[in-house]
């Protein structure tokens, strides 16, 4: 018996980066779930893909951390979530 091959979402990283830039430019604090809410960005192929998205944007000087809050994302059980804002 053969196993089904999972199709990879090869466009997620580019789409997520565009969504992050669009939300950051609003100038308001935001988190990863905000990208999903405001831009209809789909979930990544693996949940660990959120970290590098924000790490790279921070490293590139696009965003800066401004705190933490309780996650509003369903399935996160209210875990801690980093809050970001566009870098000045």
C-alpha atoms as a PDB file:
ATOM      1  CA  UNK A   1       0.000   0.000   0.000  1.00  0.00           C
ATOM      2  CA  UNK A   2       1.339   3.435  -0.864  1.00  0.00           C
ATOM      3  CA  UNK A   3       1.166   6.541   1.275  1.00  0.00           C
ATOM      4  CA  UNK A   4      -0.257   9.802  -0.012  1.00  0.00           C
ATOM      5  CA  UNK A   5       2.324  12.493  -0.636  1.00  0.00           C
ATOM      6  CA  UNK A   6       1.600  15.754   1.182  1.00  0.00           C
ATOM      7  CA  UNK A   7       1.724  18.744  -1.100  1.00  0.00           C
ATOM      8  CA  UNK A   8       3.963  21.479   0.213  1.00  0.00           C
ATOM      9  CA  UNK A   9       2.813  25.072   0.309  1.00  0.00           C
ATOM     10  CA  UNK A  10       5.829  26.508  -1.460  1.00  0.00           C
ATOM     11  CA  UNK A  11       4.401  30.037  -1.542  1.00  0.00           C
ATOM     12  CA  UNK A  12       3.675  30.405   2.177  1.00  0.00           C
ATOM     13  CA  UNK A  13       6.942  32.143   3.104  1.00  0.00           C
ATOM     14  CA  UNK A  14       6.596  34.818   0.414  1.00  0.00           C
ATOM     15  CA  UNK A  15       2.904  35.311   1.180  1.00  0.00           C
ATOM     16  CA  UNK A  16       3.621  35.531   4.909  1.00  0.00           C
ATOM     17  CA  UNK A  17       6.384  38.089   4.391  1.00  0.00           C
ATOM     18  CA  UNK A  18       4.071  40.248   2.263  1.00  0.00           C
ATOM     19  CA  UNK A  19       1.347  39.991   4.923  1.00  0.00           C
ATOM     20  CA  UNK A  20       3.798  40.913   7.693  1.00  0.00           C
ATOM     21  CA  UNK A  21       4.991  43.991   5.788  1.00  0.00           C
ATOM     22  CA  UNK A  22       1.415  45.085   5.063  1.00  0.00           C
ATOM     23  CA  UNK A  23       0.351  44.748   8.720  1.00  0.00           C
ATOM     24  CA  UNK A  24       3.557  46.315  10.094  1.00  0.00           C
ATOM     25  CA  UNK A  25       3.068  49.398   7.909  1.00  0.00           C
ATOM     26  CA  UNK A  26      -0.192  50.114   9.726  1.00  0.00           C
ATOM     27  CA  UNK A  27       2.009  51.142  12.678  1.00  0.00           C
ATOM     28  CA  UNK A  28      -0.045  49.327  15.324  1.00  0.00           C
ATOM     29  CA  UNK A  29       1.243  46.533  17.577  1.00  0.00           C
ATOM     30  CA  UNK A  30       0.538  43.079  16.151  1.00  0.00           C
ATOM     31  CA  UNK A  31       1.253  39.390  16.557  1.00  0.00           C
ATOM     32  CA  UNK A  32       1.306  36.385  14.235  1.00  0.00           C
ATOM     33  CA  UNK A  33      -2.431  35.840  14.571  1.00  0.00           C
ATOM     34  CA  UNK A  34      -3.033  39.391  13.366  1.00  0.00           C
ATOM     35  CA  UNK A  35      -1.525  38.366  10.019  1.00  0.00           C
ATOM     36  CA  UNK A  36      -4.093  35.599   9.756  1.00  0.00           C
ATOM     37  CA  UNK A  37      -6.967  37.868  10.776  1.00  0.00           C
ATOM     38  CA  UNK A  38      -6.173  40.945   8.686  1.00  0.00           C
ATOM     39  CA  UNK A  39      -4.796  39.375   5.527  1.00  0.00           C
ATOM     40  CA  UNK A  40      -6.423  35.938   5.438  1.00  0.00           C
ATOM     41  CA  UNK A  41      -2.950  34.412   5.475  1.00  0.00           C
ATOM     42  CA  UNK A  42      -3.291  30.665   5.702  1.00  0.00           C
ATOM     43  CA  UNK A  43      -1.525  28.652   8.378  1.00  0.00           C
ATOM     44  CA  UNK A  44       2.014  27.574   7.483  1.00  0.00           C
ATOM     45  CA  UNK A  45       2.779  23.994   6.470  1.00  0.00           C
ATOM     46  CA  UNK A  46       4.417  23.609   9.908  1.00  0.00           C
ATOM     47  CA  UNK A  47       3.788  25.789  12.997  1.00  0.00           C
ATOM     48  CA  UNK A  48       7.549  26.275  13.481  1.00  0.00           C
ATOM     49  CA  UNK A  49       7.609  28.468  10.367  1.00  0.00           C
ATOM     50  CA  UNK A  50       6.226  31.474  12.255  1.00  0.00           C
ATOM     51  CA  UNK A  51       9.442  31.956  14.244  1.00  0.00           C
ATOM     52  CA  UNK A  52      11.825  32.415  11.302  1.00  0.00           C
ATOM     53  CA  UNK A  53       9.352  34.776   9.614  1.00  0.00           C
ATOM     54  CA  UNK A  54       9.468  37.178  12.563  1.00  0.00           C
ATOM     55  CA  UNK A  55      13.147  36.576  13.329  1.00  0.00           C
ATOM     56  CA  UNK A  56      14.128  37.553   9.783  1.00  0.00           C
ATOM     57  CA  UNK A  57      11.906  40.649   9.791  1.00  0.00           C
ATOM     58  CA  UNK A  58      13.461  41.695  13.112  1.00  0.00           C
ATOM     59  CA  UNK A  59      16.998  40.999  11.872  1.00  0.00           C
ATOM     60  CA  UNK A  60      16.277  43.050   8.736  1.00  0.00           C
ATOM     61  CA  UNK A  61      15.156  46.006  10.858  1.00  0.00           C
ATOM     62  CA  UNK A  62      11.530  45.937   9.717  1.00  0.00           C
ATOM     63  CA  UNK A  63       9.952  45.237  13.115  1.00  0.00           C
ATOM     64  CA  UNK A  64      10.829  45.499  16.801  1.00  0.00           C
ATOM     65  CA  UNK A  65       9.461  43.635  19.824  1.00  0.00           C
ATOM     66  CA  UNK A  66       7.210  45.670  22.117  1.00  0.00           C
ATOM     67  CA  UNK A  67       6.012  43.055  24.596  1.00  0.00           C
ATOM     68  CA  UNK A  68       4.013  39.892  25.090  1.00  0.00           C
ATOM     69  CA  UNK A  69       0.395  39.005  25.567  1.00  0.00           C
ATOM     70  CA  UNK A  70      -1.774  35.924  25.817  1.00  0.00           C
ATOM     71  CA  UNK A  71      -2.309  34.328  22.405  1.00  0.00           C
ATOM     72  CA  UNK A  72      -5.760  34.680  20.873  1.00  0.00           C
ATOM     73  CA  UNK A  73      -5.075  31.961  18.288  1.00  0.00           C
ATOM     74  CA  UNK A  74      -7.431  28.996  18.658  1.00  0.00           C
ATOM     75  CA  UNK A  75      -5.437  25.942  19.598  1.00  0.00           C
ATOM     76  CA  UNK A  76      -2.689  27.853  21.417  1.00  0.00           C
ATOM     77  CA  UNK A  77      -4.422  27.518  24.800  1.00  0.00           C
ATOM     78  CA  UNK A  78      -3.559  31.105  25.696  1.00  0.00           C
ATOM     79  CA  UNK A  79       0.222  30.666  25.513  1.00  0.00           C
ATOM     80  CA  UNK A  80       2.570  33.645  25.581  1.00  0.00           C
ATOM     81  CA  UNK A  81       2.797  35.475  22.282  1.00  0.00           C
ATOM     82  CA  UNK A  82       5.325  38.142  21.242  1.00  0.00           C
ATOM     83  CA  UNK A  83       3.926  41.500  20.170  1.00  0.00           C
ATOM     84  CA  UNK A  84       5.678  43.460  17.430  1.00  0.00           C
ATOM     85  CA  UNK A  85       5.541  46.911  15.886  1.00  0.00           C
ATOM     86  CA  UNK A  86       7.113  48.496  12.850  1.00  0.00           C
ATOM     87  CA  UNK A  87      10.651  49.683  13.571  1.00  0.00           C
ATOM     88  CA  UNK A  88      11.108  53.446  13.499  1.00  0.00           C
END
